[in-house]
């Protein structure tokens, strides 16, 4: 991001300190330039002006999650969901945070809600499969991976998870085929798991 553009946006915010639009453009410019702390502070300023700002809550939550502040991120996403309960983005973010915090039931609930609103989200189908694998619900995990591949036929992580789900159901041939496809697409396959499938 050109520093001149950021300087111009900073000037715009100084001239219009109550303009949410000006703050938002500056926060995004900071974020794109890798100036994460300044982006975070600017999103907080937006929320001081407008506590119900969905975009600021979602963006702030994303930064907090990236920084490992998972409980704070969860609070931001929960507030975003109160404003827009049917947001696939906010539901997916809550699923991700819940999974990172080890709450599989919550993660599954949020992923399913996101998919009920917008079923054509291959990454969310794969995330749900990951949760189901952790819960040892392998057949359902396999179905989720196949659903993801309907929407995105070259999705390497979907093939990897499909391999895991098939292997633990005793479908070794299908597991091997899926694993080879995941590798072919550049997925960093777990070497120990590959050994298991090949043995």
N, C-alpha and C. Protein backbone atom coordinates (compact mmCIF):
# COMPACT_ATOMS: atom_id res chain seq x y z
N UNK A 1 0.86 -1.20 0.00
CA UNK A 1 0.00 0.00 0.00
C UNK A 1 0.89 1.24 0.00
N UNK A 2 0.64 2.15 -0.90
CA UNK A 2 1.40 3.39 -1.03
C UNK A 2 1.24 4.23 0.23
N UNK A 3 2.40 4.64 0.81
CA UNK A 3 2.36 5.45 2.04
C UNK A 3 1.65 6.79 1.80
N UNK A 4 1.71 7.28 0.55
CA UNK A 4 1.03 8.55 0.24
C UNK A 4 -0.48 8.40 0.40
N UNK A 5 -0.99 7.23 0.00
CA UNK A 5 -2.43 6.97 0.13
C UNK A 5 -2.80 6.93 1.61
N UNK A 6 -1.98 6.23 2.41
CA UNK A 6 -2.25 6.16 3.86
C UNK A 6 -2.20 7.55 4.48
N UNK A 7 -1.20 8.34 4.08
CA UNK A 7 -1.08 9.71 4.62
C UNK A 7 -2.32 10.53 4.27
N UNK A 8 -2.82 10.37 3.04
CA UNK A 8 -4.02 11.11 2.61
C UNK A 8 -5.24 10.67 3.42
N UNK A 9 -5.34 9.34 3.68
CA UNK A 9 -6.46 8.82 4.47
C UNK A 9 -6.37 9.29 5.92
N UNK A 10 -5.15 9.35 6.46
CA UNK A 10 -4.96 9.85 7.83
C UNK A 10 -5.41 11.30 7.92
N UNK A 11 -5.08 12.06 6.89
CA UNK A 11 -5.49 13.48 6.84
C UNK A 11 -7.02 13.59 6.78
N UNK A 12 -7.63 12.70 5.99
CA UNK A 12 -9.09 12.70 5.87
C UNK A 12 -9.74 12.42 7.23
N UNK A 13 -9.15 11.50 8.01
CA UNK A 13 -9.69 11.17 9.33
C UNK A 13 -9.50 12.36 10.29
N UNK A 14 -8.34 13.03 10.17
CA UNK A 14 -8.11 14.22 11.04
C UNK A 14 -9.15 15.30 10.75
N UNK A 15 -9.47 15.45 9.46
CA UNK A 15 -10.44 16.48 9.07
C UNK A 15 -11.88 16.08 9.39
N UNK A 16 -12.14 14.77 9.40
CA UNK A 16 -13.50 14.24 9.67
C UNK A 16 -13.44 13.18 10.76
N UNK A 17 -13.12 13.58 11.99
CA UNK A 17 -12.89 12.58 13.05
C UNK A 17 -14.11 11.72 13.39
N UNK A 18 -15.31 12.15 12.96
CA UNK A 18 -16.51 11.35 13.27
C UNK A 18 -17.00 10.58 12.05
N UNK A 19 -16.22 10.59 10.96
CA UNK A 19 -16.63 9.87 9.76
C UNK A 19 -16.24 8.40 9.86
N UNK A 20 -17.24 7.55 9.99
CA UNK A 20 -16.99 6.11 10.07
C UNK A 20 -16.39 5.61 8.75
N UNK A 21 -16.89 6.13 7.64
CA UNK A 21 -16.39 5.75 6.32
C UNK A 21 -14.89 6.05 6.20
N UNK A 22 -14.47 7.24 6.65
CA UNK A 22 -13.05 7.62 6.57
C UNK A 22 -12.20 6.70 7.44
N UNK A 23 -12.67 6.44 8.66
CA UNK A 23 -11.94 5.53 9.56
C UNK A 23 -11.83 4.13 8.95
N UNK A 24 -12.93 3.68 8.35
CA UNK A 24 -12.94 2.32 7.80
C UNK A 24 -11.94 2.18 6.65
N UNK A 25 -11.92 3.16 5.77
CA UNK A 25 -10.97 3.13 4.65
C UNK A 25 -9.53 3.13 5.17
N UNK A 26 -9.27 3.93 6.23
CA UNK A 26 -7.92 3.99 6.81
C UNK A 26 -7.57 2.65 7.46
N UNK A 27 -8.50 2.06 8.21
CA UNK A 27 -8.24 0.77 8.88
C UNK A 27 -7.88 -0.30 7.86
N UNK A 28 -8.63 -0.35 6.76
CA UNK A 28 -8.35 -1.35 5.71
C UNK A 28 -7.01 -1.09 5.04
N UNK A 29 -6.68 0.18 4.86
CA UNK A 29 -5.38 0.54 4.26
C UNK A 29 -4.23 0.10 5.17
N UNK A 30 -4.38 0.34 6.48
CA UNK A 30 -3.37 -0.13 7.44
C UNK A 30 -3.23 -1.65 7.36
N UNK A 31 -4.37 -2.33 7.34
CA UNK A 31 -4.37 -3.80 7.32
C UNK A 31 -3.64 -4.33 6.09
N UNK A 32 -3.97 -3.76 4.92
CA UNK A 32 -3.33 -4.21 3.67
C UNK A 32 -1.83 -3.92 3.67
N UNK A 33 -1.44 -2.87 4.38
CA UNK A 33 -0.01 -2.50 4.44
C UNK A 33 0.73 -3.29 5.51
N UNK A 34 0.02 -4.17 6.23
CA UNK A 34 0.66 -4.97 7.29
C UNK A 34 0.84 -4.20 8.59
N UNK A 35 0.21 -3.05 8.69
CA UNK A 35 0.29 -2.24 9.92
C UNK A 35 -0.89 -2.64 10.82
N UNK A 36 -0.76 -3.84 11.37
CA UNK A 36 -1.88 -4.51 12.03
C UNK A 36 -2.34 -3.79 13.30
N UNK A 37 -1.39 -3.34 14.11
CA UNK A 37 -1.79 -2.66 15.36
C UNK A 37 -2.57 -1.39 15.08
N UNK A 38 -2.13 -0.64 14.05
CA UNK A 38 -2.83 0.59 13.70
C UNK A 38 -4.22 0.26 13.13
N UNK A 39 -4.32 -0.83 12.37
CA UNK A 39 -5.62 -1.27 11.86
C UNK A 39 -6.55 -1.60 13.03
N UNK A 40 -6.00 -2.35 13.99
CA UNK A 40 -6.78 -2.77 15.15
C UNK A 40 -7.31 -1.55 15.91
N UNK A 41 -6.42 -0.58 16.17
CA UNK A 41 -6.83 0.62 16.91
C UNK A 41 -7.88 1.42 16.14
N UNK A 42 -7.74 1.45 14.82
CA UNK A 42 -8.71 2.21 14.00
C UNK A 42 -10.07 1.52 14.00
N UNK A 43 -10.08 0.18 13.94
CA UNK A 43 -11.37 -0.53 14.05
C UNK A 43 -12.01 -0.27 15.42
N UNK A 44 -11.20 -0.19 16.46
CA UNK A 44 -11.73 0.12 17.80
C UNK A 44 -12.33 1.53 17.84
N UNK A 45 -11.69 2.46 17.12
CA UNK A 45 -12.22 3.83 17.06
C UNK A 45 -13.58 3.85 16.36
N UNK A 46 -13.71 3.05 15.31
CA UNK A 46 -15.00 2.94 14.60
C UNK A 46 -16.07 2.45 15.58
N UNK A 47 -15.71 1.44 16.38
CA UNK A 47 -16.68 0.86 17.32
C UNK A 47 -17.01 1.83 18.46
N UNK A 48 -16.08 2.73 18.78
CA UNK A 48 -16.38 3.76 19.78
C UNK A 48 -17.42 4.73 19.21
N UNK A 49 -17.35 4.98 17.89
CA UNK A 49 -18.32 5.85 17.22
C UNK A 49 -19.63 5.14 16.93
N UNK A 50 -19.52 3.83 16.61
CA UNK A 50 -20.69 3.04 16.22
C UNK A 50 -20.52 1.61 16.71
N UNK A 51 -20.96 1.33 17.95
CA UNK A 51 -20.76 -0.01 18.54
C UNK A 51 -21.44 -1.13 17.76
N UNK A 52 -22.38 -0.80 16.87
CA UNK A 52 -23.11 -1.81 16.10
C UNK A 52 -22.54 -2.00 14.70
N UNK A 53 -21.31 -1.55 14.47
CA UNK A 53 -20.74 -1.63 13.11
C UNK A 53 -20.26 -3.05 12.82
N UNK A 54 -21.03 -3.75 11.98
CA UNK A 54 -20.78 -5.16 11.70
C UNK A 54 -19.39 -5.39 11.10
N UNK A 55 -19.01 -4.59 10.09
CA UNK A 55 -17.72 -4.78 9.41
C UNK A 55 -16.55 -4.59 10.38
N UNK A 56 -16.65 -3.55 11.23
CA UNK A 56 -15.56 -3.29 12.18
C UNK A 56 -15.44 -4.44 13.18
N UNK A 57 -16.57 -4.95 13.66
CA UNK A 57 -16.53 -6.08 14.61
C UNK A 57 -15.91 -7.31 13.97
N UNK A 58 -16.31 -7.58 12.72
CA UNK A 58 -15.79 -8.76 12.02
C UNK A 58 -14.30 -8.62 11.75
N UNK A 59 -13.88 -7.46 11.29
CA UNK A 59 -12.46 -7.24 11.00
C UNK A 59 -11.61 -7.25 12.27
N UNK A 60 -12.13 -6.62 13.33
CA UNK A 60 -11.41 -6.63 14.60
C UNK A 60 -11.29 -8.06 15.12
N UNK A 61 -12.38 -8.83 15.04
CA UNK A 61 -12.35 -10.23 15.48
C UNK A 61 -11.32 -11.04 14.72
N UNK A 62 -11.20 -10.79 13.41
CA UNK A 62 -10.23 -11.51 12.58
C UNK A 62 -8.80 -11.20 13.04
N UNK A 63 -8.53 -9.92 13.31
CA UNK A 63 -7.18 -9.54 13.78
C UNK A 63 -6.90 -10.17 15.14
N UNK A 64 -7.87 -10.11 16.04
CA UNK A 64 -7.68 -10.70 17.38
C UNK A 64 -7.43 -12.20 17.28
N UNK A 65 -8.15 -12.88 16.39
CA UNK A 65 -7.95 -14.33 16.20
C UNK A 65 -6.55 -14.60 15.69
N UNK A 66 -6.09 -13.80 14.73
CA UNK A 66 -4.74 -13.98 14.18
C UNK A 66 -3.67 -13.76 15.24
N UNK A 67 -3.96 -12.89 16.20
CA UNK A 67 -3.00 -12.60 17.29
C UNK A 67 -3.12 -13.61 18.43
N UNK A 68 -4.05 -14.57 18.30
CA UNK A 68 -4.19 -15.58 19.35
C UNK A 68 -5.07 -15.16 20.51
N UNK A 69 -5.71 -13.98 20.39
CA UNK A 69 -6.62 -13.51 21.45
C UNK A 69 -8.01 -14.09 21.17
N UNK A 70 -8.14 -15.40 21.38
CA UNK A 70 -9.33 -16.12 20.92
C UNK A 70 -10.60 -15.73 21.66
N UNK A 71 -10.51 -15.54 22.97
CA UNK A 71 -11.72 -15.17 23.73
C UNK A 71 -12.22 -13.79 23.32
N UNK A 72 -11.27 -12.85 23.10
CA UNK A 72 -11.65 -11.51 22.65
C UNK A 72 -12.24 -11.55 21.25
N UNK A 73 -11.65 -12.39 20.41
CA UNK A 73 -12.17 -12.56 19.04
C UNK A 73 -13.58 -13.12 19.10
N UNK A 74 -13.79 -14.10 19.97
CA UNK A 74 -15.12 -14.71 20.10
C UNK A 74 -16.15 -13.66 20.50
N UNK A 75 -15.77 -12.76 21.42
CA UNK A 75 -16.69 -11.69 21.85
C UNK A 75 -17.06 -10.79 20.67
N UNK A 76 -16.05 -10.43 19.86
CA UNK A 76 -16.30 -9.56 18.71
C UNK A 76 -17.24 -10.24 17.71
N UNK A 77 -16.98 -11.52 17.42
CA UNK A 77 -17.83 -12.24 16.46
C UNK A 77 -19.24 -12.46 17.01
N UNK A 78 -19.34 -12.69 18.32
CA UNK A 78 -20.67 -12.88 18.94
C UNK A 78 -21.50 -11.60 18.82
N UNK A 79 -20.85 -10.45 19.02
CA UNK A 79 -21.55 -9.16 18.85
C UNK A 79 -21.97 -8.98 17.40
N UNK A 80 -21.07 -9.35 16.47
CA UNK A 80 -21.40 -9.24 15.04
C UNK A 80 -22.62 -10.10 14.71
N UNK A 81 -22.70 -11.28 15.32
CA UNK A 81 -23.83 -12.18 15.06
C UNK A 81 -25.14 -11.64 15.63
N UNK A 82 -25.05 -10.88 16.71
CA UNK A 82 -26.28 -10.27 17.26
C UNK A 82 -26.85 -9.25 16.27
N UNK A 83 -25.94 -8.58 15.55
CA UNK A 83 -26.36 -7.57 14.58
C UNK A 83 -26.88 -8.23 13.30
N UNK A 84 -26.19 -9.29 12.88
CA UNK A 84 -26.53 -9.96 11.61
C UNK A 84 -26.49 -11.47 11.85
N UNK A 85 -27.54 -12.03 12.46
CA UNK A 85 -27.54 -13.44 12.87
C UNK A 85 -27.38 -14.44 11.73
N UNK A 86 -27.72 -14.03 10.51
CA UNK A 86 -27.65 -14.98 9.38
C UNK A 86 -26.40 -14.75 8.53
N UNK A 87 -25.39 -14.11 9.10
CA UNK A 87 -24.17 -13.86 8.33
C UNK A 87 -23.32 -15.13 8.25
N UNK A 88 -23.16 -15.72 7.04
CA UNK A 88 -22.32 -16.91 6.92
C UNK A 88 -20.89 -16.65 7.39
N UNK A 89 -20.40 -15.43 7.13
CA UNK A 89 -19.03 -15.07 7.53
C UNK A 89 -18.88 -15.11 9.05
N UNK A 90 -19.81 -14.45 9.76
CA UNK A 90 -19.71 -14.40 11.22
C UNK A 90 -19.93 -15.80 11.82
N UNK A 91 -20.85 -16.57 11.26
CA UNK A 91 -21.09 -17.93 11.75
C UNK A 91 -19.84 -18.81 11.55
N UNK A 92 -19.22 -18.67 10.37
CA UNK A 92 -18.00 -19.44 10.09
C UNK A 92 -16.88 -19.04 11.04
N UNK A 93 -16.73 -17.73 11.27
CA UNK A 93 -15.70 -17.24 12.19
C UNK A 93 -15.91 -17.80 13.59
N UNK A 94 -17.17 -17.85 14.04
CA UNK A 94 -17.47 -18.41 15.36
C UNK A 94 -17.13 -19.90 15.39
N UNK A 95 -17.37 -20.59 14.27
CA UNK A 95 -17.00 -22.00 14.18
C UNK A 95 -15.50 -22.20 14.31
N UNK A 96 -14.75 -21.37 13.60
CA UNK A 96 -13.28 -21.47 13.64
C UNK A 96 -12.75 -21.24 15.05
N UNK A 97 -13.26 -20.18 15.69
CA UNK A 97 -12.81 -19.84 17.05
C UNK A 97 -13.18 -20.96 18.02
N UNK A 98 -14.40 -21.45 17.92
CA UNK A 98 -14.85 -22.54 18.81
C UNK A 98 -13.96 -23.76 18.65
N UNK A 99 -13.61 -24.09 17.39
CA UNK A 99 -12.74 -25.24 17.13
C UNK A 99 -11.36 -25.01 17.76
N UNK A 100 -10.82 -23.80 17.57
CA UNK A 100 -9.50 -23.50 18.15
C UNK A 100 -9.52 -23.56 19.67
N UNK A 101 -10.68 -23.24 20.26
CA UNK A 101 -10.80 -23.32 21.73
C UNK A 101 -11.15 -24.73 22.20
N UNK A 102 -11.28 -25.66 21.25
CA UNK A 102 -11.52 -27.06 21.60
C UNK A 102 -12.98 -27.40 21.86
N UNK A 103 -13.89 -26.50 21.49
CA UNK A 103 -15.31 -26.74 21.70
C UNK A 103 -15.92 -27.29 20.40
N UNK A 104 -15.88 -28.61 20.23
CA UNK A 104 -16.31 -29.24 18.99
C UNK A 104 -17.81 -29.09 18.76
N UNK A 105 -18.59 -29.17 19.83
CA UNK A 105 -20.06 -29.06 19.68
C UNK A 105 -20.44 -27.68 19.14
N UNK A 106 -19.83 -26.64 19.73
CA UNK A 106 -20.11 -25.27 19.28
C UNK A 106 -19.65 -25.07 17.84
N UNK A 107 -18.45 -25.56 17.53
CA UNK A 107 -17.91 -25.42 16.18
C UNK A 107 -18.85 -26.06 15.17
N UNK A 108 -19.28 -27.28 15.46
CA UNK A 108 -20.20 -27.99 14.55
C UNK A 108 -21.49 -27.20 14.37
N UNK A 109 -22.03 -26.69 15.47
CA UNK A 109 -23.29 -25.93 15.42
C UNK A 109 -23.16 -24.72 14.49
N UNK A 110 -22.07 -23.96 14.67
CA UNK A 110 -21.91 -22.74 13.86
C UNK A 110 -21.66 -23.06 12.39
N UNK A 111 -20.87 -24.09 12.11
CA UNK A 111 -20.63 -24.47 10.71
C UNK A 111 -21.93 -24.92 10.04
N UNK A 112 -22.74 -25.69 10.76
CA UNK A 112 -24.01 -26.15 10.19
C UNK A 112 -24.94 -24.97 9.93
N UNK A 113 -24.95 -24.01 10.85
CA UNK A 113 -25.79 -22.81 10.65
C UNK A 113 -25.33 -22.03 9.42
N UNK A 114 -24.01 -21.86 9.28
CA UNK A 114 -23.47 -21.14 8.13
C UNK A 114 -23.89 -21.83 6.83
N UNK A 115 -23.81 -23.15 6.80
CA UNK A 115 -24.15 -23.91 5.59
C UNK A 115 -25.65 -23.93 5.33
N UNK A 116 -26.45 -23.80 6.37
CA UNK A 116 -27.91 -23.75 6.16
C UNK A 116 -28.29 -22.42 5.50
N UNK A 117 -27.49 -21.38 5.76
CA UNK A 117 -27.73 -20.06 5.14
C UNK A 117 -27.16 -20.03 3.72
N UNK A 118 -25.96 -20.58 3.57
CA UNK A 118 -25.25 -20.53 2.28
C UNK A 118 -24.51 -21.85 2.07
N UNK A 119 -25.15 -22.80 1.37
CA UNK A 119 -24.54 -24.14 1.25
C UNK A 119 -23.32 -24.22 0.33
N UNK A 120 -23.12 -23.22 -0.54
CA UNK A 120 -22.02 -23.30 -1.51
C UNK A 120 -20.71 -22.73 -0.96
N UNK A 121 -20.33 -23.20 0.24
CA UNK A 121 -19.09 -22.75 0.88
C UNK A 121 -18.18 -23.96 1.10
N UNK A 122 -17.37 -24.34 0.09
CA UNK A 122 -16.57 -25.55 0.21
C UNK A 122 -15.66 -25.57 1.44
N UNK A 123 -15.06 -24.44 1.79
CA UNK A 123 -14.16 -24.40 2.95
C UNK A 123 -14.91 -24.73 4.24
N UNK A 124 -16.17 -24.30 4.32
CA UNK A 124 -16.94 -24.57 5.54
C UNK A 124 -17.33 -26.05 5.60
N UNK A 125 -17.62 -26.66 4.45
CA UNK A 125 -17.87 -28.11 4.43
C UNK A 125 -16.63 -28.86 4.92
N UNK A 126 -15.45 -28.41 4.51
CA UNK A 126 -14.21 -29.07 4.94
C UNK A 126 -13.96 -28.83 6.42
N UNK A 127 -14.24 -27.61 6.89
CA UNK A 127 -14.09 -27.32 8.33
C UNK A 127 -15.03 -28.22 9.15
N UNK A 128 -16.25 -28.38 8.66
CA UNK A 128 -17.20 -29.25 9.35
C UNK A 128 -16.68 -30.70 9.35
N UNK A 129 -16.12 -31.12 8.22
CA UNK A 129 -15.53 -32.48 8.15
C UNK A 129 -14.42 -32.64 9.18
N UNK A 130 -13.61 -31.61 9.36
CA UNK A 130 -12.52 -31.66 10.34
C UNK A 130 -13.08 -31.89 11.75
N UNK A 131 -14.15 -31.18 12.07
CA UNK A 131 -14.80 -31.35 13.38
C UNK A 131 -15.34 -32.77 13.51
N UNK A 132 -16.00 -33.25 12.46
CA UNK A 132 -16.60 -34.59 12.51
C UNK A 132 -15.53 -35.68 12.62
N UNK A 133 -14.39 -35.48 11.98
CA UNK A 133 -13.26 -36.43 12.11
C UNK A 133 -12.79 -36.45 13.57
N UNK A 134 -12.69 -35.25 14.16
CA UNK A 134 -12.27 -35.17 15.57
C UNK A 134 -13.29 -35.88 16.48
N UNK A 135 -14.54 -35.90 16.06
CA UNK A 135 -15.60 -36.58 16.83
C UNK A 135 -15.77 -38.05 16.41
N UNK A 136 -14.94 -38.49 15.47
CA UNK A 136 -14.95 -39.86 14.96
C UNK A 136 -16.25 -40.20 14.21
N UNK A 137 -16.89 -39.18 13.64
CA UNK A 137 -18.09 -39.39 12.81
C UNK A 137 -17.61 -39.42 11.35
N UNK A 138 -16.92 -40.51 11.01
CA UNK A 138 -16.17 -40.57 9.74
C UNK A 138 -17.06 -40.61 8.49
N UNK A 139 -18.18 -41.31 8.58
CA UNK A 139 -19.04 -41.41 7.40
C UNK A 139 -19.61 -40.03 7.03
N UNK A 140 -20.05 -39.31 8.05
CA UNK A 140 -20.59 -37.96 7.80
C UNK A 140 -19.49 -37.01 7.33
N UNK A 141 -18.29 -37.18 7.89
CA UNK A 141 -17.15 -36.36 7.45
C UNK A 141 -16.85 -36.60 5.97
N UNK A 142 -16.92 -37.87 5.56
CA UNK A 142 -16.71 -38.22 4.15
C UNK A 142 -17.74 -37.50 3.27
N UNK A 143 -19.00 -37.53 3.70
CA UNK A 143 -20.07 -36.86 2.93
C UNK A 143 -19.81 -35.36 2.81
N UNK A 144 -19.32 -34.75 3.89
CA UNK A 144 -19.01 -33.30 3.86
C UNK A 144 -17.89 -33.00 2.87
N UNK A 145 -16.86 -33.84 2.86
CA UNK A 145 -15.75 -33.65 1.92
C UNK A 145 -16.23 -33.77 0.48
N UNK A 146 -17.09 -34.75 0.23
CA UNK A 146 -17.61 -34.93 -1.13
C UNK A 146 -18.48 -33.73 -1.54
N UNK A 147 -19.19 -33.17 -0.57
CA UNK A 147 -20.01 -31.97 -0.83
C UNK A 147 -19.08 -30.80 -1.19
N UNK A 148 -18.00 -30.63 -0.45
CA UNK A 148 -17.04 -29.56 -0.75
C UNK A 148 -16.50 -29.70 -2.16
N UNK A 149 -16.22 -30.95 -2.56
CA UNK A 149 -15.65 -31.21 -3.89
C UNK A 149 -16.66 -31.00 -5.02
N UNK A 150 -17.94 -31.08 -4.69
CA UNK A 150 -18.96 -30.74 -5.70
C UNK A 150 -18.84 -29.26 -6.07
N UNK A 151 -18.54 -28.43 -5.06
CA UNK A 151 -18.44 -26.99 -5.29
C UNK A 151 -17.05 -26.58 -5.78
N UNK A 152 -16.03 -27.30 -5.33
CA UNK A 152 -14.65 -26.95 -5.71
C UNK A 152 -13.87 -28.25 -5.97
N UNK A 153 -13.92 -28.74 -7.21
CA UNK A 153 -13.36 -30.07 -7.53
C UNK A 153 -11.85 -30.21 -7.32
N UNK A 154 -11.12 -29.12 -7.21
CA UNK A 154 -9.66 -29.21 -7.03
C UNK A 154 -9.24 -28.76 -5.63
N UNK A 155 -10.07 -28.96 -4.63
CA UNK A 155 -9.82 -28.49 -3.26
C UNK A 155 -8.94 -29.52 -2.54
N UNK A 156 -7.66 -29.20 -2.42
CA UNK A 156 -6.69 -30.17 -1.91
C UNK A 156 -6.99 -30.62 -0.47
N UNK A 157 -7.41 -29.69 0.39
CA UNK A 157 -7.68 -30.06 1.78
C UNK A 157 -8.90 -30.98 1.88
N UNK A 158 -9.85 -30.80 0.96
CA UNK A 158 -11.03 -31.68 0.94
C UNK A 158 -10.60 -33.11 0.63
N UNK A 159 -9.64 -33.26 -0.30
CA UNK A 159 -9.13 -34.61 -0.62
C UNK A 159 -8.38 -35.20 0.57
N UNK A 160 -7.60 -34.36 1.26
CA UNK A 160 -6.87 -34.85 2.42
C UNK A 160 -7.83 -35.36 3.50
N UNK A 161 -8.84 -34.54 3.82
CA UNK A 161 -9.81 -34.94 4.84
C UNK A 161 -10.63 -36.16 4.40
N UNK A 162 -10.90 -36.22 3.10
CA UNK A 162 -11.62 -37.37 2.54
C UNK A 162 -10.80 -38.65 2.76
N UNK A 163 -9.48 -38.54 2.54
CA UNK A 163 -8.59 -39.68 2.75
C UNK A 163 -8.66 -40.16 4.20
N UNK A 164 -8.64 -39.21 5.14
CA UNK A 164 -8.70 -39.55 6.57
C UNK A 164 -10.04 -40.23 6.88
N UNK A 165 -11.13 -39.62 6.42
CA UNK A 165 -12.47 -40.16 6.71
C UNK A 165 -12.64 -41.57 6.12
N UNK A 166 -12.13 -41.76 4.91
CA UNK A 166 -12.24 -43.09 4.27
C UNK A 166 -11.37 -44.12 4.98
N UNK A 167 -10.14 -43.73 5.32
CA UNK A 167 -9.21 -44.66 5.98
C UNK A 167 -9.83 -45.23 7.26
N UNK A 168 -10.40 -44.34 8.09
CA UNK A 168 -10.93 -44.79 9.38
C UNK A 168 -12.27 -45.52 9.25
N UNK A 169 -12.81 -45.60 8.04
CA UNK A 169 -13.97 -46.46 7.79
C UNK A 169 -13.53 -47.77 7.15
N UNK A 170 -12.22 -47.95 6.97
CA UNK A 170 -11.70 -49.17 6.36
C UNK A 170 -11.72 -49.15 4.84
N UNK A 171 -11.92 -47.99 4.25
CA UNK A 171 -11.95 -47.86 2.78
C UNK A 171 -10.56 -47.45 2.30
N UNK A 172 -9.60 -48.38 2.38
CA UNK A 172 -8.19 -48.04 2.12
C UNK A 172 -7.94 -47.60 0.68
N UNK A 173 -8.59 -48.25 -0.27
CA UNK A 173 -8.37 -47.89 -1.68
C UNK A 173 -8.82 -46.45 -1.95
N UNK A 174 -10.00 -46.10 -1.42
CA UNK A 174 -10.51 -44.74 -1.61
C UNK A 174 -9.63 -43.73 -0.87
N UNK A 175 -9.14 -44.13 0.30
CA UNK A 175 -8.26 -43.25 1.08
C UNK A 175 -6.98 -42.97 0.31
N UNK A 176 -6.39 -44.01 -0.27
CA UNK A 176 -5.14 -43.86 -1.03
C UNK A 176 -5.36 -42.96 -2.24
N UNK A 177 -6.44 -43.17 -2.94
CA UNK A 177 -6.76 -42.38 -4.13
C UNK A 177 -6.91 -40.89 -3.76
N UNK A 178 -7.66 -40.63 -2.67
CA UNK A 178 -7.88 -39.25 -2.22
C UNK A 178 -6.57 -38.61 -1.76
N UNK A 179 -5.74 -39.39 -1.06
CA UNK A 179 -4.47 -38.87 -0.56
C UNK A 179 -3.53 -38.52 -1.72
N UNK A 180 -3.49 -39.37 -2.73
CA UNK A 180 -2.65 -39.10 -3.91
C UNK A 180 -3.10 -37.82 -4.61
N UNK A 181 -4.43 -37.62 -4.67
CA UNK A 181 -4.97 -36.41 -5.30
C UNK A 181 -4.61 -35.17 -4.48
N UNK A 182 -4.69 -35.29 -3.15
CA UNK A 182 -4.33 -34.16 -2.27
C UNK A 182 -2.87 -33.77 -2.50
N UNK A 183 -1.98 -34.78 -2.58
CA UNK A 183 -0.55 -34.52 -2.81
C UNK A 183 -0.32 -33.89 -4.18
N UNK A 184 -1.00 -34.43 -5.18
CA UNK A 184 -0.89 -33.93 -6.55
C UNK A 184 -1.27 -32.45 -6.61
N UNK A 185 -2.25 -32.05 -5.77
CA UNK A 185 -2.70 -30.66 -5.74
C UNK A 185 -1.86 -29.79 -4.80
N UNK A 186 -0.82 -30.39 -4.21
CA UNK A 186 0.12 -29.60 -3.39
C UNK A 186 -0.20 -29.53 -1.91
N UNK A 187 -1.11 -30.38 -1.43
CA UNK A 187 -1.44 -30.35 0.00
C UNK A 187 -0.30 -30.98 0.81
N UNK A 188 0.12 -30.35 1.93
CA UNK A 188 1.19 -30.93 2.76
C UNK A 188 0.67 -32.11 3.61
N UNK A 189 0.61 -33.25 3.00
CA UNK A 189 0.07 -34.46 3.63
C UNK A 189 0.93 -34.86 4.83
N UNK A 190 0.28 -35.31 5.90
CA UNK A 190 1.01 -35.78 7.08
C UNK A 190 1.75 -37.08 6.74
N UNK A 191 3.09 -37.09 6.89
CA UNK A 191 3.87 -38.28 6.49
C UNK A 191 3.49 -39.55 7.25
N UNK A 192 3.17 -39.40 8.56
CA UNK A 192 2.79 -40.59 9.35
C UNK A 192 1.47 -41.17 8.83
N UNK A 193 0.54 -40.27 8.47
CA UNK A 193 -0.75 -40.74 7.95
C UNK A 193 -0.55 -41.41 6.60
N UNK A 194 0.32 -40.83 5.79
CA UNK A 194 0.60 -41.43 4.46
C UNK A 194 1.18 -42.84 4.63
N UNK A 195 2.06 -43.01 5.60
CA UNK A 195 2.64 -44.32 5.89
C UNK A 195 1.55 -45.34 6.26
N UNK A 196 0.61 -44.88 7.10
CA UNK A 196 -0.51 -45.73 7.52
C UNK A 196 -1.32 -46.21 6.30
N UNK A 197 -1.62 -45.27 5.40
CA UNK A 197 -2.45 -45.58 4.24
C UNK A 197 -1.71 -46.53 3.30
N UNK A 198 -0.39 -46.32 3.17
CA UNK A 198 0.40 -47.13 2.25
C UNK A 198 0.75 -48.52 2.81
N UNK A 199 0.66 -48.67 4.13
CA UNK A 199 1.09 -49.94 4.74
C UNK A 199 0.12 -51.08 4.46
